[in-house]
Each structure stands twice: as structure tokens, then as C-alpha cells.
Amino acid sequence: MPSKFKVVTTLSFAVKIAAVLTISSLLFMQVTPASAQAEPGESIVIALQPGTTAAAVAAELGTTVTDIADGGTICTLAVPANTTPSAFTLLAGTSVGVLSAEADAVVGTKSSYGAQIHIAFDAGGSPGAYVDPTVLSQVDAFPTDSNSPGMGQIVAVVDSGVDLEHPALQGHLIAGANMINPLAPPEDLPDGLVNDAVGHGTMVAGIIAEFAPGAQIMPVRVLNGDGTGTVMTVVKGIEYAIHHGANVINLSLGTDTYSDALEDAIEDAHNAGVVVVAAAGNANTQAPHYPASLPTVVSVASLDQNNVKATWSNFGDSICVCAPGVGIRSTYWNGGYANWSGTSFSSPFVTAEAADILSNVSGLSASDVIHRICDTANGVGDQNPLFAGLLGEGIIDIQNAANSDN
């Protein structure tokens, strides 16, 4: 099994024709921050040692707390007018009780400053590349009419929200939260500038509902309609999921900039027994991507229907497993259905698998579940001779992993 686990967000820029999406280009979008959030450079994110309060650190530094995640160990502080963000970050990092300090930048294009949490739209795949029987066979899934897989498990979809009224998702959803606008429900809505990410979270949720039909899906909105957010919104989403009973968290998103706060949140999840699964990315590269590159995150790469690496899928020695990712059909925004490609849609197959394992085998830790996912996968080296050792343990085998005899 790989020594590390890894992820990234990916989607396709799509044109909807008769409730079907086709993929056309790679884009990164700028988001307008919610009114409660600081502009880029006006706030920093700090991680606190246990027993240290955000208010105490803010008072010591002569500033105010602008946001705080569940658990109280990660927060944002306003940058005082008499200093610069970089200088204030350095100062805060030396404060007693502060583990780390970093900028909380608005997510945008790769040229933007600060960390980016984004959805990467990419070319690849076409509508109808998969039909349900093909995908079921490819991942050795349970029959779709079975209601037991995933039973009793809560799966958090930390994403762009979910279409809460979609007919196919009724009975699968439980209460969640909106980190973009805390007063609004976690609805998958067109509230960005270009809104190319609308439907992303709904697609992810639909895959989980199909392959872990007994699980309860908790929508946690951290990205707007453009598919962008901030480090802090993602951290808050992860911490919310931890503190509201999630057993598995799906992160079909990513950044190419390391973040202490993001790693702290991932570690909080793992230490709480929560399995974190994320997409490996769509840049056809081995370059680090976060939270993909972080230990304890299950990284998922994409394969086509012939178990060949999707041309755009990331790869590398920190990939854990692979799953279908080309032309995946699932639930879409506004009650529809669509076909999209990307590692964003490979990740929820493995998220569903983790829920199935936990519902069928008692007493497993997060590490135990990760080992079962990797150890029961089937190699795809013969189909991918140019990527030997760079696609993890191969394609997932859901029934084998969830078998209590393993």
C-alpha cells in the first residue's frame, strides 16, 4: 500500500444539452467573498494550541477574531491597519499558543496570491461513456436495489452544496451547513460570477447515494457557484463535519499551495476516526496537490471504462487507488442528470466504499478502512505500462473491501 494518500478537485466546463453535460476546457474562477469574510490579505488563519483561545490571542495582538471553526482551534484574525499581512502573519506565528499562521486568501486563478481551493474543469470524456451496469461491474459494486450498503453511516460532501429537492436524493440527505452564507441552507446554487461549478456537489452526492444507498449524506457548502472558496471555508466545513457526526468526508477540491490550517483540520478528522477521501486532480502531473498530498487522505485517480488512466488524471507514488472518472452519470442541479468527467467524480466512489466498509465491519479505525480500500483493490498495471507504480493499488473492489472476512 502507498505510504501516503493524495487529492484534487476536478470538473469539466460543460454545456448542458437535454440534461447532459459535455466537457470542453480547463478553467479557474475568481470568487467574490461573502460579506462576512475579509478581503484577500486582510485576514490571516491561525491554528491554536489546546487550551489557547482565539479571543486571548487576538487581544494580545491588538486585533479581532473574524471567523472561527468548530472546535475553536482554527480561526481568522483581522490584519491591523498599521501593519501588512505578511508582517502580521510573522508576528502572529510567534505568539504564545499559536501553532501556525498563514494568509487566508480568496481562491482564484493560479496567478492569484495565497492558497487556492478550486474546482479544476478539464477536458475528457463524453456523455454516455458509462452506463450503470458497466460501472457496477467495473468496481464490483453491490446491486443498486440493495439498501444495506452504507447503512448507519454519515457521509459529509464538503463541496458546492447539494440540490436539496432533487427527487433521487430524497431520503438520502440530512441537515448540513453553509460556510459561504451561514444563514442559508447548503443549496447547490448559481451565486458566483460565471457559475460553471453549479451541480458539482449534487453530482458527487448522487454517486454516493447510488453506491452507498444506506448512508446519510450531509451537504456542507464551502464553494460558491464558481467552484471557489477560501482555506477557512474549507477548514470550517471539515471541522463542522467532524463535530456533527460524519464518518466519512468527501473532498472533491484542492489547492496547489500547502496550508497548515488545512492539514490541521485533516488531522483532526483522522484522529476522530473520520475517513477523508479526495480527488487526485486533473492536471496529468505528479506535482503535489492539497489536501491530496497530505498523509491520511485517500487519494483517488481516474480511469476510463477500460481501466486506462484518464488522460488528464494526476498520478504518482502517493495515489492510493483509482475509480471510474470518464463520462460519469449522476444527479445534477435543478432536478436533472448529467455526464461529467474528472477525479471529482472518482472520489465519491471511494467515499461510498468507505461507508460500505464501516456499515459492514465494526470496530474499524480510519486507518483500518484505508488499508482495506487499498489492500482489496485490483492492479491496473497491465493496462497502464507507462504508469507502473504510479496509480496506487489499482481500481477499487467495493464488495471485496466490505466483506467482513477480509
Foldseek 3Di string as FASTA:
>chain_A
DFPFFFFAAEWFQFDADPLATAHDAWFWAFWDAAPLDDAWFQKKKWFFDPPDAPQVLCVVLVWDWSAAAPVRGMTMTTDDPVDTSVVSQVVSCPDPGTPHMGTWHWATDPPDDDWWKFHIHHHFFDAPLDDVVLQCVQQVADPQVDQQFLAPAEEEEAFQFAQPPAPLCPPQEDAAAELRDRVDGRHQDQPTDVLSCRFLSHQLSFLLCRRRVNYHYHYYHAAHSRGIHIPVSSLNRLRRCLVVHHQEYEANIWTLDDDPSQLVSLVVCQVSQHQYEHERFFQQEQRHIPPGRHGRYAYEFEAGSVQEGTNRTYWALNHAEYGHFHQDWGAGPPNGIYTMGDSSNGRSNLRSLLSSQPSQEPDDGNVRLSCLQRVQADDDCVNYVVQVNTRHSYHGHSVSSNPRVD
